[in-house]
């Protein structure tokens, strides 16, 4: 038995050695992602006054951040598959591969931003939470979403072009980099446009115009003569609406625990990592599995084949580094900025426990999400990343809350 386990361990180490290039690229991307998450966490920790002035805004934040990763992570995954399959070309003719994907992502951004505003208001009412009006939610969700998406979308395209020309593995770098960029630009965008809310007549007028623009773009997108864009929009809408609803549930879970987070703002610094890095890890695995399914390297089986297990093992290597670094960095940031913290041991315990639990869940979602969509004849690139990132927004949040209850709650009550 020892010999058998030794052979398996040797095979895993040999695979890690053969994937040194992927590991290096993935680590660099995830380190950048961690940096973005920590900046976003610090921004969130300093927004406590604004969050108190606009009740319910915390319900929208996970969905607004997560949707950037859902839409543009999927865009990166599709472009990565296009590179592997020889479809990608740096061309801006209307019917070419890249422009159709960018157009589809634009339509999806507008449609989901409008959808999230109504769901956030409905969820707040359903769970008995105080909140701003639906008009306020529309202004913040649509304008903030558009501002953030301009930056994230541009970066995703530039990363894909660089990957194509420099032969990077886009499947390993796209999700973490998109996550980092989405984190760092979405929160400031939401904070900036939040000051439009509460201005008499202006809020309602801006919200009505923005909603009308979203509906027009959605109708045009559903009826477009661009076949690839039309397929992406029609396949993605349902899963993105589902993803947004799950993200809103994550936001309601956080809103219900605001007193604990406000007592220790250092925990708010951890929050974006568990909203995004858990999804980024699952996104890496989902993108790799999607490419392998398209290329016929693995089969969509009920139980993962050895190559799929080996791909999943890479995520646990990433997770150990990511969540230890996030915990220590969050502690240092909280000390440097005077934010209250439960202590370095509790921060590390919470992050490592919640991080590894979330990685187990994300790996399962990534594999079975890719396999299920492939079996139904859908494109895993359209479903895999939105599915895993949205579910991990909720699961990552719940894992973090569980870690806080176990390691912080037992001491601090």
Protein backbone atom coordinates (compact mmCIF):
# COMPACT_ATOMS: atom_id res chain seq x y z
CA UNK A 1 0.00 0.00 0.00
CA UNK A 2 2.86 2.34 0.86
CA UNK A 3 4.38 1.64 -2.55
CA UNK A 4 1.08 2.43 -4.27
CA UNK A 5 0.71 5.75 -2.46
CA UNK A 6 4.36 6.48 -3.20
CA UNK A 7 3.75 5.99 -6.91
CA UNK A 8 0.74 8.29 -6.77
CA UNK A 9 2.71 10.97 -4.94
CA UNK A 10 5.52 10.63 -7.46
CA UNK A 11 3.05 11.07 -10.31
CA UNK A 12 1.65 14.23 -8.72
CA UNK A 13 5.14 15.72 -8.21
CA UNK A 14 6.10 14.80 -11.78
CA UNK A 15 2.96 16.56 -13.04
CA UNK A 16 3.74 19.65 -10.96
CA UNK A 17 7.26 19.64 -12.39
CA UNK A 18 5.91 19.37 -15.95
CA UNK A 19 3.57 22.30 -15.24
CA UNK A 20 6.30 24.58 -13.87
CA UNK A 21 5.51 27.21 -16.47
CA UNK A 22 1.80 27.16 -15.62
CA UNK A 23 2.60 27.32 -11.89
CA UNK A 24 4.91 30.31 -12.36
CA UNK A 25 2.36 32.17 -14.46
CA UNK A 26 -0.48 31.23 -12.14
CA UNK A 27 1.44 32.31 -9.04
CA UNK A 28 2.29 35.68 -10.56
CA UNK A 29 -1.33 36.21 -11.59
CA UNK A 30 -2.64 35.13 -8.17
CA UNK A 31 -0.16 37.35 -6.33
CA UNK A 32 -1.39 40.29 -8.40
CA UNK A 33 -4.94 39.18 -7.62
CA UNK A 34 -4.15 39.07 -3.89
CA UNK A 35 -2.75 42.58 -4.11
CA UNK A 36 -5.93 43.78 -5.77
CA UNK A 37 -8.07 42.00 -3.19
CA UNK A 38 -6.17 43.59 -0.32
CA UNK A 39 -6.54 47.06 -1.83
CA UNK A 40 -10.25 46.37 -2.35
CA UNK A 41 -10.51 45.10 1.22
CA UNK A 42 -8.84 48.22 2.56
CA UNK A 43 -11.20 50.34 0.47
CA UNK A 44 -14.16 48.38 1.85
CA UNK A 45 -12.89 48.76 5.42
CA UNK A 46 -12.71 52.54 4.94
CA UNK A 47 -16.24 52.67 3.43
CA UNK A 48 -17.98 51.82 6.69
CA UNK A 49 -19.47 55.31 7.02
CA UNK A 50 -20.84 55.24 3.47
CA UNK A 51 -22.22 51.74 4.02
CA UNK A 52 -24.02 52.99 7.11
CA UNK A 53 -25.46 55.97 5.19
CA UNK A 54 -26.74 53.74 2.36
CA UNK A 55 -28.30 50.69 4.03
CA UNK A 56 -28.46 47.68 1.74
CA UNK A 57 -25.46 48.70 -0.34
CA UNK A 58 -23.48 45.81 1.15
CA UNK A 59 -26.09 43.47 -0.32
CA UNK A 60 -25.19 44.69 -3.82
CA UNK A 61 -21.39 44.85 -3.45
CA UNK A 62 -20.56 41.09 -3.74
CA UNK A 63 -22.77 40.81 -6.81
CA UNK A 64 -21.35 43.94 -8.44
CA UNK A 65 -17.78 42.77 -7.85
CA UNK A 66 -18.55 39.17 -8.74
CA UNK A 67 -20.34 40.00 -11.96
CA UNK A 68 -17.23 41.64 -13.38
CA UNK A 69 -15.39 38.38 -12.80
CA UNK A 70 -18.31 36.32 -14.13
CA UNK A 71 -18.59 38.22 -17.41
CA UNK A 72 -14.97 39.01 -18.14
CA UNK A 73 -13.59 35.81 -16.63
CA UNK A 74 -15.82 33.95 -19.08
CA UNK A 75 -14.62 36.28 -21.84
CA UNK A 76 -11.02 35.41 -20.99
CA UNK A 77 -11.89 31.70 -20.93
CA UNK A 78 -13.52 31.91 -24.38
CA UNK A 79 -10.56 33.84 -25.77
CA UNK A 80 -8.19 31.28 -24.23
CA UNK A 81 -10.06 28.45 -25.93
CA UNK A 82 -9.98 30.47 -29.15
CA UNK A 83 -6.20 30.76 -28.87
CA UNK A 84 -5.82 27.00 -28.30
CA UNK A 85 -8.18 26.22 -31.19
CA UNK A 86 -6.55 28.70 -33.62
CA UNK A 87 -9.64 30.95 -33.83
CA UNK A 88 -8.15 33.99 -32.12
CA UNK A 89 -6.89 36.85 -34.25
CA UNK A 90 -6.23 40.49 -33.38
CA UNK A 91 -8.81 41.85 -35.78
CA UNK A 92 -11.66 44.32 -35.24
CA UNK A 93 -13.81 43.46 -38.23
CA UNK A 94 -17.36 43.24 -36.95
CA UNK A 95 -17.91 39.52 -37.60
CA UNK A 96 -14.53 38.33 -36.35
CA UNK A 97 -14.00 36.25 -33.20
CA UNK A 98 -12.67 38.98 -30.88
CA UNK A 99 -15.18 41.78 -31.68
CA UNK A 100 -18.16 39.44 -31.34
CA UNK A 101 -16.99 38.34 -27.89
CA UNK A 102 -16.44 41.93 -26.77
CA UNK A 103 -19.89 42.98 -28.03
CA UNK A 104 -21.53 40.08 -26.19
CA UNK A 105 -19.75 41.03 -22.94
CA UNK A 106 -20.97 44.63 -23.29
CA UNK A 107 -24.59 43.53 -23.66
CA UNK A 108 -24.26 41.14 -20.72
CA UNK A 109 -22.78 43.90 -18.54
CA UNK A 110 -25.75 46.21 -19.11
CA UNK A 111 -28.40 43.50 -18.77
CA UNK A 112 -27.00 42.03 -15.56
CA UNK A 113 -26.44 45.44 -13.96
CA UNK A 114 -30.13 46.26 -14.36
CA UNK A 115 -31.11 42.80 -13.10
CA UNK A 116 -28.93 43.08 -9.99
CA UNK A 117 -30.55 46.35 -8.95
CA UNK A 118 -34.02 44.77 -8.78
CA UNK A 119 -32.78 41.59 -7.09
CA UNK A 120 -30.83 43.55 -4.47
CA UNK A 121 -33.90 45.61 -3.60
CA UNK A 122 -36.11 42.51 -3.55
CA UNK A 123 -33.70 40.51 -1.39
CA UNK A 124 -33.40 43.37 1.09
CA UNK A 125 -37.17 43.52 1.44
CA UNK A 126 -37.55 39.73 1.62
CA UNK A 127 -35.00 39.40 4.44
CA UNK A 128 -36.30 42.43 6.33
CA UNK A 129 -33.17 44.52 5.79
CA UNK A 130 -33.25 48.30 5.56
CA UNK A 131 -32.21 49.53 2.13
CA UNK A 132 -32.14 52.40 -0.32
CA UNK A 133 -34.80 52.63 -3.05
CA UNK A 134 -34.75 50.59 -6.24
CA UNK A 135 -33.84 53.81 -8.10
CA UNK A 136 -30.75 54.16 -5.95
CA UNK A 137 -29.81 50.55 -6.58
CA UNK A 138 -30.20 51.08 -10.35
CA UNK A 139 -27.92 54.13 -10.36
CA UNK A 140 -25.19 52.39 -8.37
CA UNK A 141 -25.45 49.03 -10.12
CA UNK A 142 -25.64 50.30 -13.72
CA UNK A 143 -23.28 53.29 -13.61
CA UNK A 144 -20.83 51.58 -11.27
CA UNK A 145 -20.99 48.40 -13.34
CA UNK A 146 -20.33 50.23 -16.59
CA UNK A 147 -17.40 52.23 -15.19
CA UNK A 148 -15.81 49.11 -13.75
CA UNK A 149 -16.47 47.06 -16.87
CA UNK A 150 -14.73 49.57 -19.15
CA UNK A 151 -11.51 49.02 -17.23
CA UNK A 152 -11.91 45.26 -16.74
CA UNK A 153 -12.99 44.62 -20.33
CA UNK A 154 -10.12 46.61 -21.79
CA UNK A 155 -7.66 44.79 -19.55
CA UNK A 156 -9.07 41.37 -20.49
CA UNK A 157 -8.63 42.06 -24.18
CA UNK A 158 -5.10 43.40 -23.68
CA UNK A 159 -4.17 40.33 -21.60
CA UNK A 160 -5.54 38.01 -24.30
CA UNK A 161 -3.61 39.83 -27.02
CA UNK A 162 -0.41 39.64 -24.94
CA UNK A 163 -1.04 35.94 -24.24
CA UNK A 164 -1.50 35.27 -27.93
CA UNK A 165 1.68 37.07 -28.95
CA UNK A 166 3.88 35.87 -26.04
CA UNK A 167 2.47 32.33 -25.82
CA UNK A 168 1.28 32.65 -22.22
CA UNK A 169 -1.25 30.16 -20.86
CA UNK A 170 -4.33 32.42 -20.82
CA UNK A 171 -6.34 29.79 -18.91
CA UNK A 172 -3.96 30.15 -15.94
CA UNK A 173 -3.56 33.94 -15.88
CA UNK A 174 -6.89 35.36 -17.08
CA UNK A 175 -9.16 34.59 -14.11
CA UNK A 176 -6.80 35.87 -11.37
CA UNK A 177 -5.82 39.01 -13.28
CA UNK A 178 -9.41 39.84 -14.20
CA UNK A 179 -10.30 39.28 -10.54
CA UNK A 180 -7.59 41.67 -9.35
CA UNK A 181 -8.53 44.38 -11.82
CA UNK A 182 -12.24 43.92 -11.12
CA UNK A 183 -11.70 44.24 -7.37
CA UNK A 184 -9.56 47.34 -7.54
CA UNK A 185 -11.78 49.29 -9.95
CA UNK A 186 -15.33 48.15 -9.10
CA UNK A 187 -15.44 49.27 -5.46
CA UNK A 188 -14.16 52.80 -6.20
CA UNK A 189 -16.65 53.01 -9.09
CA UNK A 190 -19.54 51.99 -6.81
CA UNK A 191 -18.37 54.42 -4.14
CA UNK A 192 -18.11 57.29 -6.63
CA UNK A 193 -21.54 56.83 -8.22
CA UNK A 194 -23.16 56.32 -4.81
CA UNK A 195 -23.01 60.09 -4.35
CA UNK A 196 -25.59 60.48 -7.13
CA UNK A 197 -28.07 58.66 -4.88
CA UNK A 198 -30.24 60.86 -2.70
CA UNK A 199 -30.20 63.93 -4.94
CA UNK A 200 -33.80 64.99 -5.54
CA UNK A 201 -35.06 64.23 -9.08
CA UNK A 202 -31.53 63.43 -10.27
CA UNK A 203 -31.51 59.86 -8.91
CA UNK A 204 -34.81 58.90 -10.54
CA UNK A 205 -33.94 60.59 -13.86
CA UNK A 206 -30.50 58.98 -14.14
CA UNK A 207 -31.90 55.59 -13.13
CA UNK A 208 -34.71 55.73 -15.71
CA UNK A 209 -32.36 56.70 -18.56
CA UNK A 210 -29.82 54.06 -17.58
CA UNK A 211 -32.51 51.36 -17.38
CA UNK A 212 -33.84 52.30 -20.83
CA UNK A 213 -30.35 52.07 -22.34
CA UNK A 214 -29.87 48.62 -20.77
CA UNK A 215 -33.15 47.32 -22.20
CA UNK A 216 -32.39 48.63 -25.70
CA UNK A 217 -28.95 46.99 -25.73
CA UNK A 218 -30.38 43.73 -24.41
CA UNK A 219 -33.04 43.53 -27.14
CA UNK A 220 -30.51 44.38 -29.84
CA UNK A 221 -28.12 41.78 -28.46
CA UNK A 222 -30.71 39.02 -28.43
CA UNK A 223 -31.67 39.79 -32.05
CA UNK A 224 -28.19 40.53 -33.44
CA UNK A 225 -27.09 38.99 -36.75
CA UNK A 226 -23.71 38.08 -35.23
CA UNK A 227 -24.00 34.31 -34.63
CA UNK A 228 -21.25 33.92 -32.03
CA UNK A 229 -22.32 36.98 -30.04
CA UNK A 230 -25.97 35.90 -30.15
CA UNK A 231 -25.09 32.44 -28.86
CA UNK A 232 -22.93 33.82 -26.05
CA UNK A 233 -25.65 36.27 -24.96
CA UNK A 234 -28.46 33.71 -25.04
CA UNK A 235 -26.45 30.99 -23.30
CA UNK A 236 -24.97 33.35 -20.70
CA UNK A 237 -28.02 35.32 -19.59
CA UNK A 238 -29.64 32.53 -17.59
CA UNK A 239 -26.45 31.48 -15.82
CA UNK A 240 -25.48 35.10 -15.12
CA UNK A 241 -28.91 35.89 -13.69
CA UNK A 242 -28.57 32.79 -11.52
CA UNK A 243 -25.02 33.87 -10.58
CA UNK A 244 -26.20 37.35 -9.68
CA UNK A 245 -28.97 36.00 -7.48
CA UNK A 246 -26.47 33.79 -5.63
CA UNK A 247 -24.14 36.78 -5.20
CA UNK A 248 -26.99 38.82 -3.74
CA UNK A 249 -27.61 36.02 -1.22
CA UNK A 250 -23.92 36.28 -0.28
CA UNK A 251 -24.45 40.00 0.23
CA UNK A 252 -27.44 39.43 2.51
CA UNK A 253 -25.34 37.01 4.58
CA UNK A 254 -22.67 39.71 4.97
CA UNK A 255 -25.25 42.42 5.71
CA UNK A 256 -26.64 40.25 8.50
CA UNK A 257 -23.14 40.07 10.07
CA UNK A 258 -22.25 43.75 9.75
CA UNK A 259 -21.83 44.21 13.51
CA UNK A 260 -19.10 41.55 13.63
CA UNK A 261 -17.33 42.92 10.56
CA UNK A 262 -17.59 46.50 11.81
CA UNK A 263 -16.18 45.40 15.21
CA UNK A 264 -13.07 44.03 13.45
CA UNK A 265 -12.59 45.94 10.17
CA UNK A 266 -9.54 43.75 9.45
CA UNK A 267 -12.03 41.00 8.62
CA UNK A 268 -13.46 43.26 5.91
CA UNK A 269 -9.97 43.30 4.38
CA UNK A 270 -10.24 39.50 4.06
CA UNK A 271 -13.67 39.63 2.47
CA UNK A 272 -12.75 40.46 -1.17
CA UNK A 273 -10.27 37.56 -1.17
CA UNK A 274 -13.05 35.16 -0.28
CA UNK A 275 -15.39 36.76 -2.77
CA UNK A 276 -12.83 36.62 -5.56
CA UNK A 277 -9.74 34.46 -4.95
CA UNK A 278 -11.82 31.37 -4.22
CA UNK A 279 -13.63 32.00 -7.49
CA UNK A 280 -10.36 32.75 -9.28
CA UNK A 281 -8.93 29.39 -8.19
CA UNK A 282 -12.05 27.64 -9.39
CA UNK A 283 -11.92 29.75 -12.55
CA UNK A 284 -8.38 28.56 -13.32
CA UNK A 285 -9.48 24.93 -12.99
CA UNK A 286 -12.69 25.53 -14.94
CA UNK A 287 -10.84 27.21 -17.82
CA UNK A 288 -8.23 24.41 -17.97
CA UNK A 289 -10.91 21.72 -17.92
CA UNK A 290 -12.98 23.54 -20.57
CA UNK A 291 -9.99 23.68 -22.91
CA UNK A 292 -9.23 19.99 -22.32
CA UNK A 293 -12.86 19.02 -22.96
CA UNK A 294 -12.91 21.00 -26.22
CA UNK A 295 -9.66 19.40 -27.33
CA UNK A 296 -10.71 15.88 -26.31
CA UNK A 297 -7.86 15.46 -23.80
CA UNK A 298 -10.32 14.47 -21.04
CA UNK A 299 -13.80 13.00 -21.26
CA UNK A 300 -16.91 14.31 -19.44
CA UNK A 301 -17.16 11.45 -16.95
CA UNK A 302 -19.01 11.16 -13.66
CA UNK A 303 -15.75 10.54 -11.82
CA UNK A 304 -12.73 12.68 -12.78
CA UNK A 305 -10.00 11.09 -14.83
CA UNK A 306 -6.42 11.18 -13.45
CA UNK A 307 -5.52 14.25 -15.53
CA UNK A 308 -8.48 16.17 -14.07
CA UNK A 309 -7.37 15.21 -10.54
CA UNK A 310 -3.87 16.41 -11.31
CA UNK A 311 -5.22 19.74 -12.56
CA UNK A 312 -7.21 20.07 -9.31
CA UNK A 313 -4.06 19.40 -7.28
CA UNK A 314 -2.51 22.58 -8.70
CA UNK A 315 -5.28 24.58 -7.04
CA UNK A 316 -4.31 23.37 -3.57
CA UNK A 317 -0.73 24.47 -4.15
CA UNK A 318 -2.06 27.88 -5.14
CA UNK A 319 -4.50 27.96 -2.19
CA UNK A 320 -1.82 27.41 0.47
CA UNK A 321 0.19 30.40 -0.74
CA UNK A 322 -2.80 32.63 -1.44
CA UNK A 323 -4.65 32.31 1.85
CA UNK A 324 -1.59 32.43 4.09
CA UNK A 325 -0.40 35.55 2.26
CA UNK A 326 -3.85 37.16 2.42
CA UNK A 327 -4.13 36.61 6.17
CA UNK A 328 -0.68 37.97 7.00
CA UNK A 329 -1.03 40.91 4.62
CA UNK A 330 -4.47 41.80 5.97
CA UNK A 331 -3.05 41.79 9.50
CA UNK A 332 -0.16 44.06 8.49
CA UNK A 333 -2.51 46.43 6.65
CA UNK A 334 -4.91 46.58 9.60
CA UNK A 335 -2.04 47.38 11.98
CA UNK A 336 -0.61 50.03 9.64
CA UNK A 337 -3.99 51.74 9.19
CA UNK A 338 -5.21 51.36 12.76
CA UNK A 339 -8.05 48.97 11.93
CA UNK A 340 -9.14 46.66 14.75
CA UNK A 341 -8.12 43.01 14.31
CA UNK A 342 -8.81 39.82 16.28
CA UNK A 343 -5.07 39.03 16.18
CA UNK A 344 -2.62 37.44 13.77
CA UNK A 345 -3.21 33.83 14.91
CA UNK A 346 -6.97 34.17 14.54
CA UNK A 347 -6.57 35.87 11.16
CA UNK A 348 -4.34 33.06 9.85
CA UNK A 349 -6.58 30.35 11.34
CA UNK A 350 -9.70 31.86 9.80
CA UNK A 351 -8.10 32.37 6.39
CA UNK A 352 -6.44 28.94 6.10
CA UNK A 353 -9.45 26.97 7.37
CA UNK A 354 -11.96 28.87 5.24
CA UNK A 355 -9.62 28.97 2.24
CA UNK A 356 -8.98 25.22 2.07
CA UNK A 357 -12.64 24.40 2.67
CA UNK A 358 -13.58 26.81 -0.12
CA UNK A 359 -10.95 25.31 -2.46
CA UNK A 360 -12.42 21.82 -2.02
CA UNK A 361 -15.87 23.18 -2.88
CA UNK A 362 -14.63 25.26 -5.84
CA UNK A 363 -12.77 22.29 -7.36
CA UNK A 364 -15.91 20.16 -7.25
CA UNK A 365 -18.04 22.94 -8.76
CA UNK A 366 -15.46 23.63 -11.50
CA UNK A 367 -15.26 19.98 -12.58
CA UNK A 368 -18.94 19.06 -12.49
CA UNK A 369 -20.00 22.42 -13.91
CA UNK A 370 -17.71 21.97 -16.92
CA UNK A 371 -18.72 18.32 -17.41
CA UNK A 372 -22.46 18.96 -17.10
CA UNK A 373 -22.51 21.86 -19.56
CA UNK A 374 -20.34 19.94 -22.04
CA UNK A 375 -22.68 16.93 -21.88
CA UNK A 376 -25.68 19.15 -22.61
CA UNK A 377 -23.90 20.47 -25.71
CA UNK A 378 -23.35 23.93 -24.27
CA UNK A 379 -20.05 25.78 -24.23
CA UNK A 380 -18.32 25.31 -20.84
CA UNK A 381 -16.54 28.63 -21.37
CA UNK A 382 -19.93 30.40 -21.19
CA UNK A 383 -21.11 28.52 -18.11
CA UNK A 384 -18.08 27.26 -16.18
CA UNK A 385 -16.55 30.47 -14.81
CA UNK A 386 -19.85 32.29 -14.06
CA UNK A 387 -21.12 29.16 -12.31
CA UNK A 388 -18.03 28.59 -10.18
CA UNK A 389 -17.37 32.26 -9.35
CA UNK A 390 -20.97 33.00 -8.35
CA UNK A 391 -21.36 29.87 -6.25
CA UNK A 392 -17.99 30.56 -4.67
CA UNK A 393 -19.05 34.10 -3.81
CA UNK A 394 -21.73 32.54 -1.61
CA UNK A 395 -19.72 29.49 -0.53
CA UNK A 396 -16.57 31.55 0.09
CA UNK A 397 -18.55 34.04 2.16
CA UNK A 398 -20.16 31.25 4.21
CA UNK A 399 -16.76 29.56 4.67
CA UNK A 400 -15.33 32.87 5.92
CA UNK A 401 -18.25 33.41 8.28
CA UNK A 402 -17.87 29.83 9.58
CA UNK A 403 -14.15 30.43 10.14
CA UNK A 404 -14.91 33.67 12.01
CA UNK A 405 -17.48 31.91 14.20
CA UNK A 406 -15.07 29.04 14.98
CA UNK A 407 -11.86 30.97 15.54
CA UNK A 408 -12.92 34.53 16.38
CA UNK A 409 -16.37 34.02 17.88
CA UNK A 410 -15.15 31.50 20.45
CA UNK A 411 -12.77 34.10 21.90
CA UNK A 412 -14.47 37.41 21.31
CA UNK A 413 -18.12 36.32 21.39
